[in-house]
Amino acid sequence: MQNKIDAVLNNAGIDDHQTVVKIHYALDVIRNEVIKLVIIGIVFSLYGNLMEYIYSLAILLPLRTFSGGMHMKTNIGCFMFSLIFLMLPIKVLPRISLNIVEYFSLLIISITTISILSPIASYKRPIKTAARKDLLKKRALFCIAIESIILFTLWLLAIQDYFIIGAWIVTIHAIQLFATWAYRKMRGGIKNVGETQEMEAITHRSPRG
């Protein structure tokens, strides 16, 4: 497969080694993410929550792409993190009895947290320019603004199940974003992230841990 990809890149006039390595890395990431999300989708299908799963991805993926998030180093850890991350707002946390004021309070705090902390870059893929950081910040803000409107509309239309799931997704994302930021601060910043740590923050990746 790699030889075929190299052949396609060569035919397209792409022969710079660094560029080729980046393309291979991106393709590996996409393949692993697709496989993981399909497997998790099957799990939620067995529970009868496929639509809730698809809706959750629609809320989470754009937000995570631009704001960053916690990243597990191993594939198994990544899979388990993603499964738990999605299982909580779909199957577990909606069982907690909260009133609408409490839900909106959670959302306001979470939206504020995401807006302030985004983006958090991976130590493997640091943000190299201020312009790039500003762009990611603006996209994260745009994303959370659109999703806030969607959640508010769901509440107005009394589509409570999806409003609650969406509210918990935003809240959990804000919590793990804050946890990653706080961990970085304790470690002295992105340059001092230990090689043996189990979790890291990453930008441009889907909810996989």
N, C-alpha and C. Protein backbone atom coordinates (compact mmCIF):
# COMPACT_ATOMS: atom_id res chain seq x y z
N MET A 1 0.83 -1.21 0.00
CA MET A 1 0.00 0.00 0.00
C MET A 1 0.87 1.26 0.00
N GLN A 2 1.92 1.26 0.83
CA GLN A 2 2.78 2.42 0.90
C GLN A 2 3.46 2.69 -0.43
N ASN A 3 3.88 1.61 -1.12
CA ASN A 3 4.52 1.79 -2.43
C ASN A 3 3.54 2.39 -3.44
N LYS A 4 2.27 1.98 -3.36
CA LYS A 4 1.27 2.52 -4.27
C LYS A 4 1.05 4.01 -4.00
N ILE A 5 1.01 4.37 -2.71
CA ILE A 5 0.84 5.78 -2.35
C ILE A 5 2.03 6.60 -2.84
N ASP A 6 3.24 6.05 -2.65
CA ASP A 6 4.44 6.75 -3.11
C ASP A 6 4.40 6.94 -4.62
N ALA A 7 3.91 5.92 -5.32
CA ALA A 7 3.83 6.02 -6.78
C ALA A 7 2.86 7.12 -7.21
N VAL A 8 1.73 7.19 -6.52
CA VAL A 8 0.74 8.23 -6.82
C VAL A 8 1.33 9.61 -6.55
N LEU A 9 2.04 9.74 -5.44
CA LEU A 9 2.65 11.03 -5.09
C LEU A 9 3.72 11.42 -6.11
N ASN A 10 4.50 10.46 -6.52
CA ASN A 10 5.53 10.73 -7.54
C ASN A 10 4.90 11.18 -8.85
N ASN A 11 3.82 10.51 -9.23
CA ASN A 11 3.13 10.89 -10.46
C ASN A 11 2.54 12.30 -10.36
N ALA A 12 2.21 12.70 -9.13
CA ALA A 12 1.66 14.03 -8.92
C ALA A 12 2.76 15.08 -8.74
N GLY A 13 4.01 14.62 -8.84
CA GLY A 13 5.13 15.55 -8.72
C GLY A 13 5.52 15.87 -7.30
N ILE A 14 5.05 15.06 -6.33
CA ILE A 14 5.38 15.27 -4.92
C ILE A 14 6.46 14.29 -4.52
N ASP A 15 7.69 14.76 -4.42
CA ASP A 15 8.79 13.85 -4.09
C ASP A 15 9.65 14.36 -2.93
N ASP A 16 9.24 15.50 -2.35
CA ASP A 16 9.97 16.01 -1.18
C ASP A 16 9.77 15.05 0.00
N HIS A 17 10.85 14.62 0.63
CA HIS A 17 10.77 13.59 1.67
C HIS A 17 9.89 14.03 2.83
N GLN A 18 10.07 15.26 3.30
CA GLN A 18 9.29 15.73 4.44
C GLN A 18 7.81 15.78 4.12
N THR A 19 7.49 16.21 2.93
CA THR A 19 6.09 16.27 2.52
C THR A 19 5.49 14.89 2.44
N VAL A 20 6.25 13.95 1.88
CA VAL A 20 5.78 12.56 1.76
C VAL A 20 5.52 11.96 3.14
N VAL A 21 6.44 12.21 4.08
CA VAL A 21 6.27 11.69 5.44
C VAL A 21 5.01 12.25 6.07
N LYS A 22 4.75 13.54 5.88
CA LYS A 22 3.56 14.17 6.44
C LYS A 22 2.29 13.57 5.84
N ILE A 23 2.33 13.30 4.54
CA ILE A 23 1.16 12.72 3.88
C ILE A 23 0.90 11.31 4.40
N HIS A 24 1.97 10.52 4.56
CA HIS A 24 1.82 9.17 5.10
C HIS A 24 1.24 9.22 6.51
N TYR A 25 1.72 10.16 7.31
CA TYR A 25 1.22 10.30 8.68
C TYR A 25 -0.26 10.67 8.69
N ALA A 26 -0.63 11.61 7.84
CA ALA A 26 -2.02 12.04 7.77
C ALA A 26 -2.94 10.90 7.34
N LEU A 27 -2.49 10.12 6.36
CA LEU A 27 -3.29 8.98 5.89
C LEU A 27 -3.43 7.91 6.96
N ASP A 28 -2.36 7.68 7.73
CA ASP A 28 -2.43 6.72 8.83
C ASP A 28 -3.42 7.18 9.89
N VAL A 29 -3.39 8.48 10.19
CA VAL A 29 -4.30 9.04 11.18
C VAL A 29 -5.75 8.87 10.72
N ILE A 30 -6.01 9.21 9.47
CA ILE A 30 -7.36 9.09 8.93
C ILE A 30 -7.84 7.64 8.97
N ARG A 31 -6.98 6.73 8.55
CA ARG A 31 -7.35 5.30 8.55
C ARG A 31 -7.69 4.83 9.95
N ASN A 32 -6.82 5.14 10.91
CA ASN A 32 -7.05 4.70 12.28
C ASN A 32 -8.31 5.31 12.87
N GLU A 33 -8.55 6.59 12.56
CA GLU A 33 -9.73 7.25 13.10
C GLU A 33 -11.01 6.66 12.52
N VAL A 34 -11.00 6.37 11.22
CA VAL A 34 -12.18 5.80 10.58
C VAL A 34 -12.49 4.43 11.17
N ILE A 35 -11.46 3.60 11.32
CA ILE A 35 -11.66 2.26 11.88
C ILE A 35 -12.21 2.36 13.30
N LYS A 36 -11.62 3.25 14.10
CA LYS A 36 -12.06 3.41 15.49
C LYS A 36 -13.51 3.88 15.57
N LEU A 37 -13.85 4.89 14.78
CA LEU A 37 -15.20 5.44 14.84
C LEU A 37 -16.24 4.44 14.33
N VAL A 38 -15.87 3.64 13.34
CA VAL A 38 -16.80 2.60 12.85
C VAL A 38 -17.06 1.57 13.93
N ILE A 39 -16.01 1.12 14.61
CA ILE A 39 -16.17 0.13 15.67
C ILE A 39 -17.04 0.68 16.81
N ILE A 40 -16.76 1.92 17.21
CA ILE A 40 -17.57 2.53 18.27
C ILE A 40 -19.01 2.70 17.80
N GLY A 41 -19.18 3.03 16.51
CA GLY A 41 -20.53 3.14 15.96
C GLY A 41 -21.28 1.82 16.05
N ILE A 42 -20.60 0.73 15.81
CA ILE A 42 -21.22 -0.60 15.92
C ILE A 42 -21.66 -0.85 17.36
N VAL A 43 -20.81 -0.46 18.31
CA VAL A 43 -21.16 -0.62 19.73
C VAL A 43 -22.44 0.13 20.05
N PHE A 44 -22.53 1.39 19.62
CA PHE A 44 -23.73 2.16 19.91
C PHE A 44 -24.94 1.66 19.13
N SER A 45 -24.72 1.06 17.97
CA SER A 45 -25.83 0.46 17.23
C SER A 45 -26.43 -0.70 18.01
N LEU A 46 -25.57 -1.48 18.65
CA LEU A 46 -26.05 -2.60 19.47
C LEU A 46 -26.86 -2.11 20.66
N TYR A 47 -26.54 -0.91 21.14
CA TYR A 47 -27.31 -0.31 22.24
C TYR A 47 -28.57 0.39 21.74
N GLY A 48 -28.70 0.53 20.42
CA GLY A 48 -29.85 1.24 19.86
C GLY A 48 -29.70 2.74 19.89
N ASN A 49 -28.45 3.22 19.90
CA ASN A 49 -28.19 4.66 19.98
C ASN A 49 -27.34 5.18 18.82
N LEU A 50 -27.55 4.63 17.63
CA LEU A 50 -26.73 5.04 16.50
C LEU A 50 -26.95 6.51 16.15
N MET A 51 -28.20 6.98 16.14
CA MET A 51 -28.47 8.37 15.79
C MET A 51 -27.87 9.32 16.82
N GLU A 52 -27.95 8.94 18.08
CA GLU A 52 -27.34 9.77 19.13
C GLU A 52 -25.83 9.82 18.96
N TYR A 53 -25.25 8.72 18.54
CA TYR A 53 -23.80 8.66 18.30
C TYR A 53 -23.40 9.58 17.15
N ILE A 54 -24.14 9.52 16.05
CA ILE A 54 -23.84 10.37 14.89
C ILE A 54 -24.01 11.84 15.27
N TYR A 55 -25.06 12.15 15.99
CA TYR A 55 -25.28 13.52 16.46
C TYR A 55 -24.13 13.99 17.35
N SER A 56 -23.67 13.12 18.24
CA SER A 56 -22.57 13.46 19.15
C SER A 56 -21.30 13.76 18.38
N LEU A 57 -21.01 12.97 17.35
CA LEU A 57 -19.83 13.22 16.52
C LEU A 57 -19.96 14.55 15.80
N ALA A 58 -21.17 14.86 15.33
CA ALA A 58 -21.38 16.12 14.62
C ALA A 58 -21.12 17.32 15.53
N ILE A 59 -21.40 17.17 16.82
CA ILE A 59 -21.13 18.24 17.77
C ILE A 59 -19.65 18.27 18.14
N LEU A 60 -19.07 17.11 18.38
CA LEU A 60 -17.72 17.04 18.95
C LEU A 60 -16.60 17.23 17.94
N LEU A 61 -16.69 16.61 16.78
CA LEU A 61 -15.56 16.61 15.84
C LEU A 61 -15.12 18.01 15.41
N PRO A 62 -16.03 18.88 14.98
CA PRO A 62 -15.57 20.23 14.58
C PRO A 62 -14.95 20.99 15.75
N LEU A 63 -15.56 20.85 16.92
CA LEU A 63 -15.06 21.55 18.09
C LEU A 63 -13.66 21.07 18.47
N ARG A 64 -13.47 19.77 18.46
CA ARG A 64 -12.18 19.19 18.83
C ARG A 64 -11.11 19.51 17.79
N THR A 65 -11.50 19.57 16.55
CA THR A 65 -10.55 19.84 15.48
C THR A 65 -9.83 21.17 15.68
N PHE A 66 -10.58 22.18 16.09
CA PHE A 66 -10.00 23.52 16.19
C PHE A 66 -9.54 23.90 17.59
N SER A 67 -10.10 23.28 18.62
CA SER A 67 -9.73 23.67 19.98
C SER A 67 -8.71 22.73 20.60
N GLY A 68 -8.60 21.51 20.09
CA GLY A 68 -7.65 20.54 20.65
C GLY A 68 -8.32 19.65 21.67
N GLY A 69 -7.51 18.85 22.35
CA GLY A 69 -8.07 17.94 23.34
C GLY A 69 -7.06 16.93 23.83
N MET A 70 -7.49 16.13 24.76
CA MET A 70 -6.62 15.13 25.36
C MET A 70 -6.33 14.00 24.39
N HIS A 71 -5.11 13.52 24.42
CA HIS A 71 -4.66 12.50 23.47
C HIS A 71 -3.96 11.36 24.20
N MET A 72 -4.39 10.14 23.95
CA MET A 72 -3.75 8.98 24.54
C MET A 72 -2.68 8.45 23.59
N LYS A 73 -1.58 7.96 24.13
CA LYS A 73 -0.44 7.59 23.29
C LYS A 73 -0.64 6.27 22.54
N THR A 74 -1.35 5.30 23.14
CA THR A 74 -1.51 4.01 22.49
C THR A 74 -2.86 3.95 21.77
N ASN A 75 -2.96 3.06 20.78
CA ASN A 75 -4.22 2.90 20.05
C ASN A 75 -5.33 2.38 20.96
N ILE A 76 -4.98 1.45 21.85
CA ILE A 76 -5.98 0.91 22.78
C ILE A 76 -6.45 2.00 23.72
N GLY A 77 -5.51 2.77 24.24
CA GLY A 77 -5.88 3.87 25.12
C GLY A 77 -6.75 4.88 24.41
N CYS A 78 -6.41 5.15 23.15
CA CYS A 78 -7.18 6.09 22.33
C CYS A 78 -8.60 5.59 22.13
N PHE A 79 -8.73 4.31 21.83
CA PHE A 79 -10.05 3.71 21.61
C PHE A 79 -10.90 3.78 22.87
N MET A 80 -10.31 3.39 24.00
CA MET A 80 -11.06 3.37 25.25
C MET A 80 -11.45 4.78 25.68
N PHE A 81 -10.54 5.73 25.48
CA PHE A 81 -10.85 7.11 25.83
C PHE A 81 -12.04 7.61 25.01
N SER A 82 -12.01 7.35 23.71
CA SER A 82 -13.09 7.81 22.83
C SER A 82 -14.41 7.14 23.19
N LEU A 83 -14.35 5.85 23.48
CA LEU A 83 -15.57 5.11 23.83
C LEU A 83 -16.19 5.67 25.11
N ILE A 84 -15.35 5.87 26.13
CA ILE A 84 -15.85 6.40 27.40
C ILE A 84 -16.34 7.84 27.23
N PHE A 85 -15.57 8.62 26.45
CA PHE A 85 -15.93 10.02 26.21
C PHE A 85 -17.33 10.12 25.62
N LEU A 86 -17.66 9.25 24.68
CA LEU A 86 -18.96 9.29 24.03
C LEU A 86 -20.04 8.55 24.83
N MET A 87 -19.64 7.53 25.57
CA MET A 87 -20.61 6.79 26.36
C MET A 87 -21.19 7.65 27.49
N LEU A 88 -20.35 8.49 28.07
CA LEU A 88 -20.80 9.32 29.19
C LEU A 88 -21.99 10.22 28.82
N PRO A 89 -21.88 11.06 27.76
CA PRO A 89 -22.99 11.96 27.46
C PRO A 89 -24.20 11.27 26.84
N ILE A 90 -24.00 10.10 26.25
CA ILE A 90 -25.11 9.42 25.59
C ILE A 90 -25.87 8.48 26.53
N LYS A 91 -25.12 7.75 27.36
CA LYS A 91 -25.75 6.70 28.17
C LYS A 91 -25.75 6.97 29.67
N VAL A 92 -24.78 7.72 30.17
CA VAL A 92 -24.61 7.81 31.62
C VAL A 92 -25.10 9.14 32.20
N LEU A 93 -24.50 10.24 31.76
CA LEU A 93 -24.77 11.53 32.38
C LEU A 93 -26.22 12.03 32.22
N PRO A 94 -26.93 11.70 31.12
CA PRO A 94 -28.33 12.13 31.03
C PRO A 94 -29.21 11.57 32.13
N ARG A 95 -28.75 10.56 32.85
CA ARG A 95 -29.51 10.00 33.96
C ARG A 95 -29.50 10.92 35.17
N ILE A 96 -28.55 11.85 35.21
CA ILE A 96 -28.48 12.81 36.30
C ILE A 96 -29.61 13.83 36.15
N SER A 97 -30.32 14.05 37.23
CA SER A 97 -31.46 14.96 37.17
C SER A 97 -31.00 16.39 37.41
N LEU A 98 -31.00 17.20 36.33
CA LEU A 98 -30.65 18.61 36.42
C LEU A 98 -31.78 19.44 35.83
N ASN A 99 -31.98 20.62 36.38
CA ASN A 99 -32.99 21.50 35.79
C ASN A 99 -32.35 22.35 34.70
N ILE A 100 -33.16 23.10 34.00
CA ILE A 100 -32.67 23.83 32.83
C ILE A 100 -31.67 24.91 33.22
N VAL A 101 -31.86 25.51 34.39
CA VAL A 101 -30.91 26.53 34.85
C VAL A 101 -29.53 25.92 35.06
N GLU A 102 -29.49 24.73 35.62
CA GLU A 102 -28.22 24.04 35.85
C GLU A 102 -27.55 23.66 34.53
N TYR A 103 -28.35 23.22 33.57
CA TYR A 103 -27.78 22.88 32.26
C TYR A 103 -27.19 24.11 31.57
N PHE A 104 -27.92 25.20 31.60
CA PHE A 104 -27.41 26.41 30.96
C PHE A 104 -26.21 26.98 31.71
N SER A 105 -26.17 26.80 33.00
CA SER A 105 -25.00 27.23 33.77
C SER A 105 -23.77 26.43 33.36
N LEU A 106 -23.94 25.12 33.22
CA LEU A 106 -22.84 24.27 32.74
C LEU A 106 -22.37 24.71 31.37
N LEU A 107 -23.33 25.01 30.50
CA LEU A 107 -22.98 25.42 29.14
C LEU A 107 -22.22 26.75 29.13
N ILE A 108 -22.68 27.69 29.91
CA ILE A 108 -22.01 29.00 29.94
C ILE A 108 -20.57 28.85 30.42
N ILE A 109 -20.38 28.09 31.50
CA ILE A 109 -19.03 27.87 32.03
C ILE A 109 -18.16 27.14 31.01
N SER A 110 -18.73 26.13 30.36
CA SER A 110 -17.98 25.33 29.40
C SER A 110 -17.62 26.13 28.16
N ILE A 111 -18.57 26.90 27.65
CA ILE A 111 -18.32 27.73 26.47
C ILE A 111 -17.24 28.76 26.76
N THR A 112 -17.29 29.35 27.95
CA THR A 112 -16.28 30.32 28.35
C THR A 112 -14.90 29.67 28.43
N THR A 113 -14.84 28.48 29.01
CA THR A 113 -13.58 27.75 29.14
C THR A 113 -12.98 27.43 27.78
N ILE A 114 -13.80 26.91 26.89
CA ILE A 114 -13.33 26.56 25.55
C ILE A 114 -12.87 27.80 24.80
N SER A 115 -13.62 28.88 24.93
CA SER A 115 -13.28 30.12 24.22
C SER A 115 -11.95 30.69 24.69
N ILE A 116 -11.69 30.59 25.99
CA ILE A 116 -10.45 31.15 26.53
C ILE A 116 -9.25 30.27 26.23
N LEU A 117 -9.38 28.97 26.38
CA LEU A 117 -8.22 28.07 26.29
C LEU A 117 -7.86 27.65 24.87
N SER A 118 -8.80 27.67 23.96
CA SER A 118 -8.52 27.21 22.59
C SER A 118 -7.57 28.17 21.88
N PRO A 119 -6.67 27.62 21.06
CA PRO A 119 -6.40 26.19 20.85
C PRO A 119 -5.24 25.70 21.72
N ILE A 120 -5.28 24.42 22.05
CA ILE A 120 -4.17 23.77 22.74
C ILE A 120 -3.53 22.80 21.77
N ALA A 121 -2.29 23.04 21.42
CA ALA A 121 -1.62 22.25 20.38
C ALA A 121 -0.89 21.06 20.96
N SER A 122 -0.65 20.08 20.14
CA SER A 122 0.14 18.92 20.53
C SER A 122 1.62 19.27 20.61
N TYR A 123 2.35 18.64 21.54
CA TYR A 123 3.79 18.83 21.58
C TYR A 123 4.45 18.26 20.33
N LYS A 124 3.77 17.34 19.66
CA LYS A 124 4.29 16.77 18.41
C LYS A 124 4.04 17.70 17.23
N ARG A 125 2.98 18.49 17.32
CA ARG A 125 2.62 19.39 16.22
C ARG A 125 2.32 20.77 16.78
N PRO A 126 3.34 21.45 17.27
CA PRO A 126 3.12 22.78 17.87
C PRO A 126 2.65 23.79 16.84
N ILE A 127 1.93 24.79 17.32
CA ILE A 127 1.50 25.89 16.46
C ILE A 127 2.69 26.83 16.32
N LYS A 128 3.18 27.00 15.11
CA LYS A 128 4.45 27.68 14.89
C LYS A 128 4.32 29.19 14.70
N THR A 129 3.15 29.66 14.36
CA THR A 129 3.00 31.10 14.13
C THR A 129 1.79 31.64 14.88
N ALA A 130 1.86 32.92 15.21
CA ALA A 130 0.75 33.58 15.88
C ALA A 130 -0.48 33.64 14.97
N ALA A 131 -0.23 33.78 13.67
CA ALA A 131 -1.35 33.85 12.71
C ALA A 131 -2.13 32.53 12.71
N ARG A 132 -1.39 31.42 12.75
CA ARG A 132 -2.06 30.12 12.78
C ARG A 132 -2.86 29.93 14.06
N LYS A 133 -2.30 30.36 15.16
CA LYS A 133 -3.00 30.27 16.44
C LYS A 133 -4.27 31.11 16.43
N ASP A 134 -4.18 32.31 15.90
CA ASP A 134 -5.34 33.19 15.81
C ASP A 134 -6.43 32.58 14.93
N LEU A 135 -6.00 31.94 13.83
CA LEU A 135 -6.97 31.31 12.93
C LEU A 135 -7.72 30.18 13.62
N LEU A 136 -6.97 29.34 14.34
CA LEU A 136 -7.60 28.24 15.07
C LEU A 136 -8.53 28.76 16.16
N LYS A 137 -8.11 29.82 16.84
CA LYS A 137 -8.95 30.43 17.87
C LYS A 137 -10.26 30.92 17.27
N LYS A 138 -10.19 31.62 16.14
CA LYS A 138 -11.39 32.14 15.51
C LYS A 138 -12.31 31.01 15.05
N ARG A 139 -11.73 29.94 14.53
CA ARG A 139 -12.55 28.81 14.09
C ARG A 139 -13.19 28.09 15.26
N ALA A 140 -12.45 27.98 16.36
CA ALA A 140 -13.02 27.36 17.56
C ALA A 140 -14.18 28.21 18.10
N LEU A 141 -14.00 29.52 18.11
CA LEU A 141 -15.05 30.42 18.58
C LEU A 141 -16.28 30.35 17.67
N PHE A 142 -16.04 30.31 16.37
CA PHE A 142 -17.15 30.20 15.42
C PHE A 142 -17.90 28.89 15.64
N CYS A 143 -17.14 27.82 15.83
CA CYS A 143 -17.73 26.50 16.02
C CYS A 143 -18.59 26.45 17.28
N ILE A 144 -18.05 26.94 18.39
CA ILE A 144 -18.81 26.89 19.64
C ILE A 144 -20.01 27.83 19.58
N ALA A 145 -19.92 28.92 18.82
CA ALA A 145 -21.05 29.82 18.66
C ALA A 145 -22.19 29.13 17.90
N ILE A 146 -21.84 28.46 16.81
CA ILE A 146 -22.85 27.74 16.02
C ILE A 146 -23.50 26.63 16.84
N GLU A 147 -22.68 25.92 17.58
CA GLU A 147 -23.21 24.81 18.38
C GLU A 147 -24.08 25.32 19.53
N SER A 148 -23.74 26.48 20.05
CA SER A 148 -24.58 27.08 21.09
C SER A 148 -25.96 27.41 20.54
N ILE A 149 -25.98 27.94 19.32
CA ILE A 149 -27.26 28.26 18.68
C ILE A 149 -28.07 26.98 18.44
N ILE A 150 -27.38 25.92 18.01
CA ILE A 150 -28.05 24.64 17.76
C ILE A 150 -28.66 24.10 19.06
N LEU A 151 -27.89 24.13 20.14
CA LEU A 151 -28.38 23.61 21.42
C LEU A 151 -29.55 24.46 21.93
N PHE A 152 -29.45 25.76 21.78
CA PHE A 152 -30.55 26.63 22.23
C PHE A 152 -31.81 26.36 21.41
N THR A 153 -31.64 26.13 20.12
CA THR A 153 -32.79 25.81 19.25
C THR A 153 -33.42 24.49 19.65
N LEU A 154 -32.59 23.50 19.96
CA LEU A 154 -33.12 22.21 20.41
C LEU A 154 -33.93 22.37 21.69
N TRP A 155 -33.44 23.23 22.58
CA TRP A 155 -34.18 23.46 23.83
C TRP A 155 -35.51 24.15 23.54
N LEU A 156 -35.50 25.16 22.65
CA LEU A 156 -36.74 25.85 22.31
C LEU A 156 -37.77 24.91 21.69
N LEU A 157 -37.27 23.97 20.90
CA LEU A 157 -38.16 23.01 20.23
C LEU A 157 -38.53 21.83 21.11
N ALA A 158 -38.04 21.86 22.35
CA ALA A 158 -38.33 20.81 23.33
C ALA A 158 -37.80 19.44 22.90
N ILE A 159 -36.69 19.45 22.16
CA ILE A 159 -36.03 18.19 21.80
C ILE A 159 -35.00 17.92 22.90
N GLN A 160 -35.50 17.52 24.05
CA GLN A 160 -34.71 17.49 25.27
C GLN A 160 -33.57 16.49 25.24
N ASP A 161 -33.81 15.31 24.67
CA ASP A 161 -32.78 14.27 24.69
C ASP A 161 -31.51 14.74 23.98
N TYR A 162 -31.66 15.35 22.83
CA TYR A 162 -30.50 15.79 22.06
C TYR A 162 -29.88 17.06 22.67
N PHE A 163 -30.72 17.91 23.26
CA PHE A 163 -30.18 19.07 23.95
C PHE A 163 -29.29 18.63 25.11
N ILE A 164 -29.75 17.67 25.88
CA ILE A 164 -29.00 17.20 27.04
C ILE A 164 -27.69 16.54 26.62
N ILE A 165 -27.75 15.69 25.60
CA ILE A 165 -26.54 15.04 25.11
C ILE A 165 -25.54 16.09 24.63
N GLY A 166 -26.01 17.05 23.85
CA GLY A 166 -25.12 18.10 23.35
C GLY A 166 -24.51 18.93 24.46
N ALA A 167 -25.31 19.24 25.48
CA ALA A 167 -24.82 20.03 26.61
C ALA A 167 -23.71 19.28 27.34
N TRP A 168 -23.88 17.98 27.52
CA TRP A 168 -22.86 17.18 28.20
C TRP A 168 -21.61 17.03 27.36
N ILE A 169 -21.75 16.92 26.05
CA ILE A 169 -20.57 16.82 25.18
C ILE A 169 -19.72 18.07 25.31
N VAL A 170 -20.35 19.23 25.22
CA VAL A 170 -19.61 20.50 25.35
C VAL A 170 -18.96 20.59 26.72
N THR A 171 -19.68 20.16 27.76
CA THR A 171 -19.15 20.23 29.12
C THR A 171 -17.95 19.31 29.29
N ILE A 172 -18.05 18.07 28.83
CA ILE A 172 -16.94 17.13 28.96
C ILE A 172 -15.73 17.61 28.16
N HIS A 173 -15.98 18.15 26.98
CA HIS A 173 -14.88 18.65 26.18
C HIS A 173 -14.17 19.79 26.90
N ALA A 174 -14.94 20.67 27.51
CA ALA A 174 -14.35 21.78 28.26
C ALA A 174 -13.53 21.28 29.44
N ILE A 175 -14.03 20.25 30.13
CA ILE A 175 -13.32 19.69 31.28
C ILE A 175 -11.98 19.10 30.87
N GLN A 176 -11.97 18.30 29.79
CA GLN A 176 -10.70 17.69 29.40
C GLN A 176 -9.75 18.71 28.77
N LEU A 177 -10.30 19.76 28.18
CA LEU A 177 -9.45 20.83 27.66
C LEU A 177 -8.77 21.57 28.82
N PHE A 178 -9.55 21.84 29.87
CA PHE A 178 -8.99 22.51 31.04
C PHE A 178 -7.96 21.60 31.73
N ALA A 179 -8.26 20.30 31.81
CA ALA A 179 -7.33 19.36 32.44
C ALA A 179 -6.01 19.31 31.69
N THR A 180 -6.08 19.33 30.36
CA THR A 180 -4.87 19.33 29.55
C THR A 180 -4.08 20.61 29.74
N TRP A 181 -4.77 21.75 29.75
CA TRP A 181 -4.12 23.04 29.97
C TRP A 181 -3.45 23.09 31.34
N ALA A 182 -4.16 22.62 32.39
CA ALA A 182 -3.61 22.63 33.74
C ALA A 182 -2.40 21.70 33.85
N TYR A 183 -2.49 20.55 33.20
CA TYR A 183 -1.37 19.61 33.22
C TYR A 183 -0.15 20.23 32.56
N ARG A 184 -0.37 20.93 31.45
CA ARG A 184 0.73 21.60 30.76
C ARG A 184 1.39 22.64 31.67
N LYS A 185 0.54 23.40 32.38
CA LYS A 185 1.07 24.43 33.27
C LYS A 185 1.91 23.81 34.38
N MET A 186 1.47 22.71 34.91
CA MET A 186 2.21 22.03 35.97
C MET A 186 3.53 21.47 35.46
N ARG A 187 3.54 21.07 34.19
CA ARG A 187 4.75 20.51 33.59
C ARG A 187 5.68 21.58 33.05
N GLY A 188 5.25 22.82 33.09
CA GLY A 188 6.11 23.90 32.65
C GLY A 188 5.93 24.29 31.21
N GLY A 189 4.84 23.88 30.60
CA GLY A 189 4.57 24.28 29.22
C GLY A 189 4.83 23.17 28.22
N ILE A 190 4.56 23.48 26.96
CA ILE A 190 4.60 22.47 25.90
C ILE A 190 5.99 21.91 25.67
N LYS A 191 7.05 22.67 25.96
CA LYS A 191 8.40 22.22 25.68
C LYS A 191 8.90 21.19 26.69
N ASN A 192 8.21 21.10 27.85
CA ASN A 192 8.68 20.22 28.89
C ASN A 192 7.76 19.03 29.12
N VAL A 193 6.97 18.69 28.13
CA VAL A 193 6.09 17.54 28.25
C VAL A 193 6.94 16.28 28.29
N GLY A 194 6.73 15.42 29.30
CA GLY A 194 7.53 14.22 29.45
C GLY A 194 7.23 13.18 28.40
N GLU A 195 8.25 12.41 28.04
CA GLU A 195 8.08 11.40 27.00
C GLU A 195 7.26 10.22 27.50
N THR A 196 7.19 10.03 28.83
CA THR A 196 6.49 8.86 29.36
C THR A 196 5.07 9.17 29.78
N GLN A 197 4.62 10.40 29.60
CA GLN A 197 3.27 10.73 30.05
C GLN A 197 2.25 9.96 29.24
N GLU A 198 1.11 9.70 29.85
CA GLU A 198 0.08 8.89 29.22
C GLU A 198 -0.91 9.70 28.41
N MET A 199 -0.97 10.99 28.67
CA MET A 199 -1.96 11.81 27.98
C MET A 199 -1.31 13.06 27.44
N GLU A 200 -1.78 13.51 26.31
CA GLU A 200 -1.31 14.76 25.75
C GLU A 200 -2.45 15.45 25.04
N ALA A 201 -2.24 16.71 24.76
CA ALA A 201 -3.23 17.47 24.02
C ALA A 201 -2.87 17.44 22.56
N ILE A 202 -3.88 17.46 21.73
CA ILE A 202 -3.62 17.46 20.29
C ILE A 202 -4.66 18.30 19.56
N THR A 203 -4.24 18.99 18.56
CA THR A 203 -5.15 19.76 17.73
C THR A 203 -5.22 19.09 16.37
N HIS A 204 -6.33 19.26 15.68
CA HIS A 204 -6.57 18.69 14.34
C HIS A 204 -6.88 17.21 14.39
N ARG A 205 -7.35 16.66 15.50
CA ARG A 205 -7.68 15.26 15.54
C ARG A 205 -9.10 15.11 16.04
N SER A 206 -9.79 13.99 15.68
CA SER A 206 -11.11 13.75 16.12
C SER A 206 -11.11 13.13 17.50
N PRO A 207 -12.30 12.86 18.12
CA PRO A 207 -12.35 12.50 19.49
C PRO A 207 -11.84 11.12 19.73
N ARG A 208 -10.67 11.02 19.89
CA ARG A 208 -10.11 9.70 20.02
C ARG A 208 -9.25 9.60 21.25
N GLY A 209 -9.13 10.65 21.91
CA GLY A 209 -8.28 10.67 23.05
C GLY A 209 -7.01 11.34 22.68
